[in-house]
Amino acid sequence: MSYIYLVVAIIIEIGATSSLKASDGFTNWLFTLLSLIGYGVSFYFLSMALREISVGIAYAIWSGIGTVGICLFAWLVYKQNLSFISVVGIVFIVTGVIIVNFGNMGNHT
């Protein structure tokens, strides 16, 4: 169940960060509110995941997959450029998250 909480935290964090961009420097109150609430809910689910997943592993997954997710979202929705080097970096992040998980199998506390 803890990994489900972590996935929910990541998805909501991506939404909150997307809303932060759309808030236009906190001038659009709807997206500002969505962003602040989203981060709070994301941290709540991250804290639930931390009941069974070690903080270092959970944070590595949360921040790594969140970074990849927001890069892809910005590319698709905001039409932001992803250079070849950026794509290589994203592949490294995903690879790192996979390695961290394999290196920690069976050791969740």
PDB file of N, CA and C in Angstrom:
ATOM      1  N   MET A   1       0.814  -1.191   0.000  1.00  0.00           N
ATOM      2  CA  MET A   1       0.000   0.000   0.000  1.00  0.00           C
ATOM      3  C   MET A   1       0.861   1.260   0.000  1.00  0.00           C
ATOM      4  N   SER A   2       2.037   1.181   0.597  1.00  0.00           N
ATOM      5  CA  SER A   2       2.893   2.360   0.701  1.00  0.00           C
ATOM      6  C   SER A   2       3.338   2.866  -0.672  1.00  0.00           C
ATOM      7  N   TYR A   3       3.555   1.966  -1.614  1.00  0.00           N
ATOM      8  CA  TYR A   3       3.943   2.403  -2.958  1.00  0.00           C
ATOM      9  C   TYR A   3       2.763   3.039  -3.698  1.00  0.00           C
ATOM     10  N   ILE A   4       1.559   2.636  -3.365  1.00  0.00           N
ATOM     11  CA  ILE A   4       0.383   3.297  -3.939  1.00  0.00           C
ATOM     12  C   ILE A   4       0.319   4.733  -3.426  1.00  0.00           C
ATOM     13  N   TYR A   5       0.537   4.915  -2.124  1.00  0.00           N
ATOM     14  CA  TYR A   5       0.585   6.268  -1.567  1.00  0.00           C
ATOM     15  C   TYR A   5       1.663   7.104  -2.254  1.00  0.00           C
ATOM     16  N   LEU A   6       2.792   6.491  -2.512  1.00  0.00           N
ATOM     17  CA  LEU A   6       3.889   7.212  -3.157  1.00  0.00           C
ATOM     18  C   LEU A   6       3.519   7.617  -4.585  1.00  0.00           C
ATOM     19  N   VAL A   7       2.875   6.737  -5.320  1.00  0.00           N
ATOM     20  CA  VAL A   7       2.438   7.057  -6.690  1.00  0.00           C
ATOM     21  C   VAL A   7       1.429   8.205  -6.663  1.00  0.00           C
ATOM     22  N   VAL A   8       0.487   8.153  -5.723  1.00  0.00           N
ATOM     23  CA  VAL A   8      -0.496   9.231  -5.600  1.00  0.00           C
ATOM     24  C   VAL A   8       0.211  10.548  -5.285  1.00  0.00           C
ATOM     25  N   ALA A   9       1.180  10.513  -4.371  1.00  0.00           N
ATOM     26  CA  ALA A   9       1.939  11.719  -4.016  1.00  0.00           C
ATOM     27  C   ALA A   9       2.646  12.298  -5.235  1.00  0.00           C
ATOM     28  N   ILE A  10       3.220  11.436  -6.049  1.00  0.00           N
ATOM     29  CA  ILE A  10       3.940  11.886  -7.251  1.00  0.00           C
ATOM     30  C   ILE A  10       2.975  12.522  -8.244  1.00  0.00           C
ATOM     31  N   ILE A  11       1.863  11.879  -8.502  1.00  0.00           N
ATOM     32  CA  ILE A  11       0.890  12.402  -9.467  1.00  0.00           C
ATOM     33  C   ILE A  11       0.366  13.763  -9.013  1.00  0.00           C
ATOM     34  N   ILE A  12       0.030  13.880  -7.744  1.00  0.00           N
ATOM     35  CA  ILE A  12      -0.484  15.146  -7.229  1.00  0.00           C
ATOM     36  C   ILE A  12       0.600  16.217  -7.244  1.00  0.00           C
ATOM     37  N   GLU A  13       1.838  15.834  -6.960  1.00  0.00           N
ATOM     38  CA  GLU A  13       2.948  16.807  -6.993  1.00  0.00           C
ATOM     39  C   GLU A  13       3.148  17.339  -8.409  1.00  0.00           C
ATOM     40  N   ILE A  14       3.032  16.489  -9.399  1.00  0.00           N
ATOM     41  CA  ILE A  14       3.143  16.931 -10.793  1.00  0.00           C
ATOM     42  C   ILE A  14       2.022  17.927 -11.114  1.00  0.00           C
ATOM     43  N   GLY A  15       0.820  17.633 -10.657  1.00  0.00           N
ATOM     44  CA  GLY A  15      -0.289  18.557 -10.851  1.00  0.00           C
ATOM     45  C   GLY A  15      -0.072  19.883 -10.138  1.00  0.00           C
ATOM     46  N   ALA A  16       0.456  19.819  -8.919  1.00  0.00           N
ATOM     47  CA  ALA A  16       0.714  21.038  -8.148  1.00  0.00           C
ATOM     48  C   ALA A  16       1.782  21.896  -8.822  1.00  0.00           C
ATOM     49  N   THR A  17       2.825  21.267  -9.332  1.00  0.00           N
ATOM     50  CA  THR A  17       3.878  22.014 -10.016  1.00  0.00           C
ATOM     51  C   THR A  17       3.361  22.612 -11.317  1.00  0.00           C
ATOM     52  N   SER A  18       2.531  21.880 -12.011  1.00  0.00           N
ATOM     53  CA  SER A  18       1.914  22.411 -13.229  1.00  0.00           C
ATOM     54  C   SER A  18       1.033  23.614 -12.902  1.00  0.00           C
ATOM     55  N   SER A  19       0.302  23.531 -11.797  1.00  0.00           N
ATOM     56  CA  SER A  19      -0.521  24.654 -11.361  1.00  0.00           C
ATOM     57  C   SER A  19       0.336  25.842 -10.948  1.00  0.00           C
ATOM     58  N   LEU A  20       1.504  25.558 -10.386  1.00  0.00           N
ATOM     59  CA  LEU A  20       2.415  26.635 -10.007  1.00  0.00           C
ATOM     60  C   LEU A  20       2.843  27.426 -11.233  1.00  0.00           C
ATOM     61  N   LYS A  21       3.141  26.735 -12.319  1.00  0.00           N
ATOM     62  CA  LYS A  21       3.473  27.405 -13.584  1.00  0.00           C
ATOM     63  C   LYS A  21       2.289  28.235 -14.063  1.00  0.00           C
ATOM     64  N   ALA A  22       1.098  27.633 -14.011  1.00  0.00           N
ATOM     65  CA  ALA A  22      -0.109  28.315 -14.489  1.00  0.00           C
ATOM     66  C   ALA A  22      -0.521  29.476 -13.579  1.00  0.00           C
ATOM     67  N   SER A  23      -0.028  29.498 -12.331  1.00  0.00           N
ATOM     68  CA  SER A  23      -0.389  30.578 -11.414  1.00  0.00           C
ATOM     69  C   SER A  23       0.230  31.914 -11.824  1.00  0.00           C
ATOM     70  N   ASP A  24       1.207  31.861 -12.734  1.00  0.00           N
ATOM     71  CA  ASP A  24       1.850  33.067 -13.259  1.00  0.00           C
ATOM     72  C   ASP A  24       2.367  33.957 -12.129  1.00  0.00           C
ATOM     73  N   GLY A  25       3.227  33.352 -11.312  1.00  0.00           N
ATOM     74  CA  GLY A  25       3.827  34.111 -10.203  1.00  0.00           C
ATOM     75  C   GLY A  25       2.822  34.477  -9.128  1.00  0.00           C
ATOM     76  N   PHE A  26       1.899  33.578  -8.859  1.00  0.00           N
ATOM     77  CA  PHE A  26       0.837  33.751  -7.865  1.00  0.00           C
ATOM     78  C   PHE A  26      -0.125  34.885  -8.210  1.00  0.00           C
ATOM     79  N   THR A  27      -0.232  35.239  -9.478  1.00  0.00           N
ATOM     80  CA  THR A  27      -1.189  36.269  -9.880  1.00  0.00           C
ATOM     81  C   THR A  27      -2.536  35.671 -10.264  1.00  0.00           C
ATOM     82  N   ASN A  28      -2.563  34.393 -10.615  1.00  0.00           N
ATOM     83  CA  ASN A  28      -3.819  33.707 -10.911  1.00  0.00           C
ATOM     84  C   ASN A  28      -4.188  32.909  -9.663  1.00  0.00           C
ATOM     85  N   TRP A  29      -5.177  33.392  -8.919  1.00  0.00           N
ATOM     86  CA  TRP A  29      -5.489  32.820  -7.615  1.00  0.00           C
ATOM     87  C   TRP A  29      -6.018  31.394  -7.680  1.00  0.00           C
ATOM     88  N   LEU A  30      -6.720  31.039  -8.741  1.00  0.00           N
ATOM     89  CA  LEU A  30      -7.219  29.669  -8.851  1.00  0.00           C
ATOM     90  C   LEU A  30      -6.064  28.680  -8.897  1.00  0.00           C
ATOM     91  N   PHE A  31      -5.092  28.941  -9.765  1.00  0.00           N
ATOM     92  CA  PHE A  31      -3.955  28.022  -9.884  1.00  0.00           C
ATOM     93  C   PHE A  31      -3.016  28.125  -8.687  1.00  0.00           C
ATOM     94  N   THR A  32      -2.956  29.296  -8.058  1.00  0.00           N
ATOM     95  CA  THR A  32      -2.177  29.424  -6.822  1.00  0.00           C
ATOM     96  C   THR A  32      -2.765  28.520  -5.750  1.00  0.00           C
ATOM     97  N   LEU A  33      -4.081  28.569  -5.590  1.00  0.00           N
ATOM     98  CA  LEU A  33      -4.756  27.740  -4.596  1.00  0.00           C
ATOM     99  C   LEU A  33      -4.600  26.255  -4.917  1.00  0.00           C
ATOM    100  N   LEU A  34      -4.774  25.887  -6.187  1.00  0.00           N
ATOM    101  CA  LEU A  34      -4.582  24.490  -6.592  1.00  0.00           C
ATOM    102  C   LEU A  34      -3.169  24.012  -6.291  1.00  0.00           C
ATOM    103  N   SER A  35      -2.206  24.876  -6.532  1.00  0.00           N
ATOM    104  CA  SER A  35      -0.817  24.520  -6.279  1.00  0.00           C
ATOM    105  C   SER A  35      -0.567  24.285  -4.790  1.00  0.00           C
ATOM    106  N   LEU A  36      -1.009  25.214  -3.957  1.00  0.00           N
ATOM    107  CA  LEU A  36      -0.776  25.089  -2.517  1.00  0.00           C
ATOM    108  C   LEU A  36      -1.490  23.881  -1.929  1.00  0.00           C
ATOM    109  N   ILE A  37      -2.728  23.676  -2.319  1.00  0.00           N
ATOM    110  CA  ILE A  37      -3.464  22.502  -1.837  1.00  0.00           C
ATOM    111  C   ILE A  37      -2.809  21.220  -2.359  1.00  0.00           C
ATOM    112  N   GLY A  38      -2.421  21.233  -3.630  1.00  0.00           N
ATOM    113  CA  GLY A  38      -1.781  20.058  -4.223  1.00  0.00           C
ATOM    114  C   GLY A  38      -0.509  19.656  -3.501  1.00  0.00           C
ATOM    115  N   TYR A  39       0.333  20.653  -3.177  1.00  0.00           N
ATOM    116  CA  TYR A  39       1.561  20.326  -2.449  1.00  0.00           C
ATOM    117  C   TYR A  39       1.247  19.755  -1.069  1.00  0.00           C
ATOM    118  N   GLY A  40       0.265  20.333  -0.396  1.00  0.00           N
ATOM    119  CA  GLY A  40      -0.113  19.805   0.922  1.00  0.00           C
ATOM    120  C   GLY A  40      -0.590  18.368   0.846  1.00  0.00           C
ATOM    121  N   VAL A  41      -1.447  18.081  -0.121  1.00  0.00           N
ATOM    122  CA  VAL A  41      -1.967  16.711  -0.286  1.00  0.00           C
ATOM    123  C   VAL A  41      -0.845  15.764  -0.700  1.00  0.00           C
ATOM    124  N   SER A  42       0.030  16.239  -1.571  1.00  0.00           N
ATOM    125  CA  SER A  42       1.160  15.410  -1.992  1.00  0.00           C
ATOM    126  C   SER A  42       2.057  15.056  -0.803  1.00  0.00           C
ATOM    127  N   PHE A  43       2.356  16.042   0.036  1.00  0.00           N
ATOM    128  CA  PHE A  43       3.180  15.774   1.222  1.00  0.00           C
ATOM    129  C   PHE A  43       2.472  14.817   2.180  1.00  0.00           C
ATOM    130  N   TYR A  44       1.158  14.930   2.279  1.00  0.00           N
ATOM    131  CA  TYR A  44       0.414  14.002   3.131  1.00  0.00           C
ATOM    132  C   TYR A  44       0.608  12.566   2.642  1.00  0.00           C
ATOM    133  N   PHE A  45       0.405  12.339   1.340  1.00  0.00           N
ATOM    134  CA  PHE A  45       0.555  10.985   0.813  1.00  0.00           C
ATOM    135  C   PHE A  45       2.011  10.519   0.879  1.00  0.00           C
ATOM    136  N   LEU A  46       2.953  11.437   0.695  1.00  0.00           N
ATOM    137  CA  LEU A  46       4.359  11.070   0.870  1.00  0.00           C
ATOM    138  C   LEU A  46       4.602  10.628   2.314  1.00  0.00           C
ATOM    139  N   SER A  47       4.034  11.340   3.269  1.00  0.00           N
ATOM    140  CA  SER A  47       4.212  10.954   4.675  1.00  0.00           C
ATOM    141  C   SER A  47       3.594   9.589   4.966  1.00  0.00           C
ATOM    142  N   MET A  48       2.487   9.279   4.309  1.00  0.00           N
ATOM    143  CA  MET A  48       1.872   7.957   4.476  1.00  0.00           C
ATOM    144  C   MET A  48       2.793   6.870   3.905  1.00  0.00           C
ATOM    145  N   ALA A  49       3.417   7.155   2.785  1.00  0.00           N
ATOM    146  CA  ALA A  49       4.346   6.190   2.184  1.00  0.00           C
ATOM    147  C   ALA A  49       5.551   5.963   3.092  1.00  0.00           C
ATOM    148  N   LEU A  50       5.943   6.997   3.822  1.00  0.00           N
ATOM    149  CA  LEU A  50       7.123   6.890   4.687  1.00  0.00           C
ATOM    150  C   LEU A  50       6.907   5.988   5.899  1.00  0.00           C
ATOM    151  N   ARG A  51       5.693   5.543   6.108  1.00  0.00           N
ATOM    152  CA  ARG A  51       5.441   4.584   7.195  1.00  0.00           C
ATOM    153  C   ARG A  51       6.160   3.267   6.929  1.00  0.00           C
ATOM    154  N   GLU A  52       6.313   2.915   5.637  1.00  0.00           N
ATOM    155  CA  GLU A  52       6.922   1.626   5.302  1.00  0.00           C
ATOM    156  C   GLU A  52       8.141   1.731   4.401  1.00  0.00           C
ATOM    157  N   ILE A  53       8.308   2.852   3.720  1.00  0.00           N
ATOM    158  CA  ILE A  53       9.447   3.024   2.809  1.00  0.00           C
ATOM    159  C   ILE A  53      10.426   3.975   3.482  1.00  0.00           C
ATOM    160  N   SER A  54      11.704   3.659   3.428  1.00  0.00           N
ATOM    161  CA  SER A  54      12.691   4.543   4.045  1.00  0.00           C
ATOM    162  C   SER A  54      12.672   5.904   3.356  1.00  0.00           C
ATOM    163  N   VAL A  55      12.957   6.924   4.127  1.00  0.00           N
ATOM    164  CA  VAL A  55      12.835   8.294   3.630  1.00  0.00           C
ATOM    165  C   VAL A  55      13.751   8.563   2.436  1.00  0.00           C
ATOM    166  N   GLY A  56      14.956   8.042   2.453  1.00  0.00           N
ATOM    167  CA  GLY A  56      15.883   8.261   1.341  1.00  0.00           C
ATOM    168  C   GLY A  56      15.383   7.647   0.047  1.00  0.00           C
ATOM    169  N   ILE A  57      14.869   6.434   0.141  1.00  0.00           N
ATOM    170  CA  ILE A  57      14.354   5.746  -1.045  1.00  0.00           C
ATOM    171  C   ILE A  57      13.082   6.425  -1.544  1.00  0.00           C
ATOM    172  N   ALA A  58      12.164   6.708  -0.625  1.00  0.00           N
ATOM    173  CA  ALA A  58      10.905   7.352  -1.027  1.00  0.00           C
ATOM    174  C   ALA A  58      11.170   8.702  -1.674  1.00  0.00           C
ATOM    175  N   TYR A  59      12.064   9.487  -1.089  1.00  0.00           N
ATOM    176  CA  TYR A  59      12.337  10.812  -1.641  1.00  0.00           C
ATOM    177  C   TYR A  59      13.026  10.711  -2.996  1.00  0.00           C
ATOM    178  N   ALA A  60      13.920   9.749  -3.147  1.00  0.00           N
ATOM    179  CA  ALA A  60      14.590   9.558  -4.442  1.00  0.00           C
ATOM    180  C   ALA A  60      13.563   9.231  -5.522  1.00  0.00           C
ATOM    181  N   ILE A  61      12.626   8.371  -5.206  1.00  0.00           N
ATOM    182  CA  ILE A  61      11.583   8.006  -6.174  1.00  0.00           C
ATOM    183  C   ILE A  61      10.665   9.193  -6.421  1.00  0.00           C
ATOM    184  N   TRP A  62      10.203   9.830  -5.359  1.00  0.00           N
ATOM    185  CA  TRP A  62       9.263  10.954  -5.463  1.00  0.00           C
ATOM    186  C   TRP A  62       9.852  12.095  -6.281  1.00  0.00           C
ATOM    187  N   SER A  63      11.063  12.483  -5.954  1.00  0.00           N
ATOM    188  CA  SER A  63      11.665  13.617  -6.668  1.00  0.00           C
ATOM    189  C   SER A  63      12.095  13.225  -8.078  1.00  0.00           C
ATOM    190  N   GLY A  64      12.626  12.032  -8.256  1.00  0.00           N
ATOM    191  CA  GLY A  64      13.083  11.600  -9.577  1.00  0.00           C
ATOM    192  C   GLY A  64      11.942  11.435 -10.566  1.00  0.00           C
ATOM    193  N   ILE A  65      10.935  10.669 -10.170  1.00  0.00           N
ATOM    194  CA  ILE A  65       9.802  10.450 -11.067  1.00  0.00           C
ATOM    195  C   ILE A  65       8.995  11.738 -11.227  1.00  0.00           C
ATOM    196  N   GLY A  66       8.908  12.536 -10.167  1.00  0.00           N
ATOM    197  CA  GLY A  66       8.241  13.832 -10.266  1.00  0.00           C
ATOM    198  C   GLY A  66       8.928  14.742 -11.267  1.00  0.00           C
ATOM    199  N   THR A  67      10.259  14.754 -11.255  1.00  0.00           N
ATOM    200  CA  THR A  67      11.020  15.559 -12.204  1.00  0.00           C
ATOM    201  C   THR A  67      10.772  15.103 -13.633  1.00  0.00           C
ATOM    202  N   VAL A  68      10.824  13.815 -13.841  1.00  0.00           N
ATOM    203  CA  VAL A  68      10.560  13.267 -15.179  1.00  0.00           C
ATOM    204  C   VAL A  68       9.129  13.607 -15.610  1.00  0.00           C
ATOM    205  N   GLY A  69       8.190  13.417 -14.708  1.00  0.00           N
ATOM    206  CA  GLY A  69       6.791  13.685 -15.023  1.00  0.00           C
ATOM    207  C   GLY A  69       6.534  15.132 -15.389  1.00  0.00           C
ATOM    208  N   ILE A  70       7.107  16.064 -14.633  1.00  0.00           N
ATOM    209  CA  ILE A  70       6.868  17.475 -14.930  1.00  0.00           C
ATOM    210  C   ILE A  70       7.586  17.886 -16.210  1.00  0.00           C
ATOM    211  N   CYS A  71       8.737  17.295 -16.501  1.00  0.00           N
ATOM    212  CA  CYS A  71       9.416  17.578 -17.774  1.00  0.00           C
ATOM    213  C   CYS A  71       8.551  17.129 -18.950  1.00  0.00           C
ATOM    214  N   LEU A  72       7.996  15.945 -18.846  1.00  0.00           N
ATOM    215  CA  LEU A  72       7.137  15.440 -19.921  1.00  0.00           C
ATOM    216  C   LEU A  72       5.851  16.258 -20.032  1.00  0.00           C
ATOM    217  N   PHE A  73       5.268  16.627 -18.895  1.00  0.00           N
ATOM    218  CA  PHE A  73       4.058  17.441 -18.901  1.00  0.00           C
ATOM    219  C   PHE A  73       4.330  18.800 -19.546  1.00  0.00           C
ATOM    220  N   ALA A  74       5.429  19.430 -19.164  1.00  0.00           N
ATOM    221  CA  ALA A  74       5.782  20.744 -19.731  1.00  0.00           C
ATOM    222  C   ALA A  74       6.037  20.636 -21.228  1.00  0.00           C
ATOM    223  N   TRP A  75       6.629  19.545 -21.654  1.00  0.00           N
ATOM    224  CA  TRP A  75       6.880  19.323 -23.079  1.00  0.00           C
ATOM    225  C   TRP A  75       5.565  19.169 -23.838  1.00  0.00           C
ATOM    226  N   LEU A  76       4.650  18.390 -23.275  1.00  0.00           N
ATOM    227  CA  LEU A  76       3.374  18.130 -23.947  1.00  0.00           C
ATOM    228  C   LEU A  76       2.410  19.319 -23.879  1.00  0.00           C
ATOM    229  N   VAL A  77       2.265  19.910 -22.714  1.00  0.00           N
ATOM    230  CA  VAL A  77       1.237  20.929 -22.509  1.00  0.00           C
ATOM    231  C   VAL A  77       1.753  22.338 -22.805  1.00  0.00           C
ATOM    232  N   TYR A  78       2.928  22.665 -22.270  1.00  0.00           N
ATOM    233  CA  TYR A  78       3.467  24.015 -22.436  1.00  0.00           C
ATOM    234  C   TYR A  78       4.391  24.142 -23.648  1.00  0.00           C
ATOM    235  N   LYS A  79       4.566  23.040 -24.366  1.00  0.00           N
ATOM    236  CA  LYS A  79       5.404  23.018 -25.574  1.00  0.00           C
ATOM    237  C   LYS A  79       6.838  23.477 -25.283  1.00  0.00           C
ATOM    238  N   GLN A  80       7.318  23.178 -24.076  1.00  0.00           N
ATOM    239  CA  GLN A  80       8.693  23.516 -23.721  1.00  0.00           C
ATOM    240  C   GLN A  80       9.643  22.523 -24.374  1.00  0.00           C
ATOM    241  N   ASN A  81      10.761  23.025 -24.807  1.00  0.00           N
ATOM    242  CA  ASN A  81      11.732  22.227 -25.541  1.00  0.00           C
ATOM    243  C   ASN A  81      12.444  21.230 -24.629  1.00  0.00           C
ATOM    244  N   LEU A  82      12.596  20.014 -25.115  1.00  0.00           N
ATOM    245  CA  LEU A  82      13.431  19.008 -24.456  1.00  0.00           C
ATOM    246  C   LEU A  82      14.554  18.664 -25.425  1.00  0.00           C
ATOM    247  N   SER A  83      15.731  19.132 -25.124  1.00  0.00           N
ATOM    248  CA  SER A  83      16.872  18.859 -25.992  1.00  0.00           C
ATOM    249  C   SER A  83      17.310  17.402 -25.837  1.00  0.00           C
ATOM    250  N   PHE A  84      18.179  16.985 -26.725  1.00  0.00           N
ATOM    251  CA  PHE A  84      18.725  15.629 -26.639  1.00  0.00           C
ATOM    252  C   PHE A  84      19.402  15.414 -25.285  1.00  0.00           C
ATOM    253  N   ILE A  85      20.151  16.390 -24.829  1.00  0.00           N
ATOM    254  CA  ILE A  85      20.835  16.282 -23.531  1.00  0.00           C
ATOM    255  C   ILE A  85      19.813  16.167 -22.400  1.00  0.00           C
ATOM    256  N   SER A  86      18.703  16.899 -22.500  1.00  0.00           N
ATOM    257  CA  SER A  86      17.654  16.799 -21.487  1.00  0.00           C
ATOM    258  C   SER A  86      17.061  15.395 -21.455  1.00  0.00           C
ATOM    259  N   VAL A  87      16.829  14.831 -22.618  1.00  0.00           N
ATOM    260  CA  VAL A  87      16.281  13.474 -22.698  1.00  0.00           C
ATOM    261  C   VAL A  87      17.270  12.474 -22.100  1.00  0.00           C
ATOM    262  N   VAL A  88      18.544  12.647 -22.384  1.00  0.00           N
ATOM    263  CA  VAL A  88      19.563  11.770 -21.786  1.00  0.00           C
ATOM    264  C   VAL A  88      19.521  11.885 -20.263  1.00  0.00           C
ATOM    265  N   GLY A  89      19.398  13.108 -19.755  1.00  0.00           N
ATOM    266  CA  GLY A  89      19.295  13.310 -18.312  1.00  0.00           C
ATOM    267  C   GLY A  89      18.081  12.627 -17.721  1.00  0.00           C
ATOM    268  N   ILE A  90      16.950  12.709 -18.413  1.00  0.00           N
ATOM    269  CA  ILE A  90      15.726  12.043 -17.952  1.00  0.00           C
ATOM    270  C   ILE A  90      15.920  10.532 -17.911  1.00  0.00           C
ATOM    271  N   VAL A  91      16.581   9.995 -18.913  1.00  0.00           N
ATOM    272  CA  VAL A  91      16.876   8.551 -18.926  1.00  0.00           C
ATOM    273  C   VAL A  91      17.761   8.186 -17.734  1.00  0.00           C
ATOM    274  N   PHE A  92      18.734   9.025 -17.419  1.00  0.00           N
ATOM    275  CA  PHE A  92      19.590   8.777 -16.251  1.00  0.00           C
ATOM    276  C   PHE A  92      18.778   8.804 -14.951  1.00  0.00           C
ATOM    277  N   ILE A  93      17.838   9.738 -14.852  1.00  0.00           N
ATOM    278  CA  ILE A  93      17.009   9.813 -13.648  1.00  0.00           C
ATOM    279  C   ILE A  93      16.194   8.535 -13.488  1.00  0.00           C
ATOM    280  N   VAL A  94      15.533   8.117 -14.552  1.00  0.00           N
ATOM    281  CA  VAL A  94      14.730   6.885 -14.498  1.00  0.00           C
ATOM    282  C   VAL A  94      15.615   5.687 -14.166  1.00  0.00           C
ATOM    283  N   THR A  95      16.774   5.611 -14.798  1.00  0.00           N
ATOM    284  CA  THR A  95      17.714   4.523 -14.512  1.00  0.00           C
ATOM    285  C   THR A  95      18.139   4.552 -13.051  1.00  0.00           C
ATOM    286  N   GLY A  96      18.411   5.727 -12.537  1.00  0.00           N
ATOM    287  CA  GLY A  96      18.802   5.862 -11.132  1.00  0.00           C
ATOM    288  C   GLY A  96      17.715   5.400 -10.181  1.00  0.00           C
ATOM    289  N   VAL A  97      16.483   5.762 -10.463  1.00  0.00           N
ATOM    290  CA  VAL A  97      15.367   5.329  -9.619  1.00  0.00           C
ATOM    291  C   VAL A  97      15.245   3.809  -9.644  1.00  0.00           C
ATOM    292  N   ILE A  98      15.403   3.211 -10.813  1.00  0.00           N
ATOM    293  CA  ILE A  98      15.345   1.747 -10.919  1.00  0.00           C
ATOM    294  C   ILE A  98      16.474   1.107 -10.121  1.00  0.00           C
ATOM    295  N   ILE A  99      17.671   1.631 -10.253  1.00  0.00           N
ATOM    296  CA  ILE A  99      18.823   1.081  -9.519  1.00  0.00           C
ATOM    297  C   ILE A  99      18.622   1.211  -8.014  1.00  0.00           C
ATOM    298  N   VAL A 100      18.149   2.363  -7.569  1.00  0.00           N
ATOM    299  CA  VAL A 100      17.904   2.566  -6.140  1.00  0.00           C
ATOM    300  C   VAL A 100      16.900   1.537  -5.627  1.00  0.00           C
ATOM    301  N   ASN A 101      15.846   1.277  -6.404  1.00  0.00           N
ATOM    302  CA  ASN A 101      14.850   0.304  -5.973  1.00  0.00           C
ATOM    303  C   ASN A 101      15.387  -1.113  -5.936  1.00  0.00           C
ATOM    304  N   PHE A 102      16.141  -1.509  -6.936  1.00  0.00           N
ATOM    305  CA  PHE A 102      16.727  -2.853  -6.936  1.00  0.00           C
ATOM    306  C   PHE A 102      17.744  -3.008  -5.813  1.00  0.00           C
ATOM    307  N   GLY A 103      18.465  -1.955  -5.541  1.00  0.00           N
ATOM    308  CA  GLY A 103      19.465  -2.013  -4.476  1.00  0.00           C
ATOM    309  C   GLY A 103      18.847  -2.047  -3.085  1.00  0.00           C
ATOM    310  N   ASN A 104      17.573  -1.732  -2.999  1.00  0.00           N
ATOM    311  CA  ASN A 104      16.908  -1.655  -1.703  1.00  0.00           C
ATOM    312  C   ASN A 104      15.823  -2.715  -1.537  1.00  0.00           C
ATOM    313  N   MET A 105      15.747  -3.669  -2.451  1.00  0.00           N
ATOM    314  CA  MET A 105      14.682  -4.675  -2.379  1.00  0.00           C
ATOM    315  C   MET A 105      14.765  -5.446  -1.052  1.00  0.00           C
ATOM    316  N   GLY A 106      13.611  -5.534  -0.384  1.00  0.00           N
ATOM    317  CA  GLY A 106      13.532  -6.254   0.877  1.00  0.00           C
ATOM    318  C   GLY A 106      13.988  -5.463   2.073  1.00  0.00           C
ATOM    319  N   ASN A 107      14.372  -4.222   1.873  1.00  0.00           N
ATOM    320  CA  ASN A 107      14.872  -3.379   2.957  1.00  0.00           C
ATOM    321  C   ASN A 107      14.091  -2.072   2.967  1.00  0.00           C
ATOM    322  N   HIS A 108      12.865  -2.081   3.514  1.00  0.00           N
ATOM    323  CA  HIS A 108      11.966  -0.927   3.391  1.00  0.00           C
ATOM    324  C   HIS A 108      11.896  -0.051   4.624  1.00  0.00           C
ATOM    325  N   THR A 109      12.647  -0.301   5.639  1.00  0.00           N
ATOM    326  CA  THR A 109      12.535   0.558   6.821  1.00  0.00           C
ATOM    327  C   THR A 109      13.774   1.356   7.062  1.00  0.00           C
TER     328      THR A 109
END
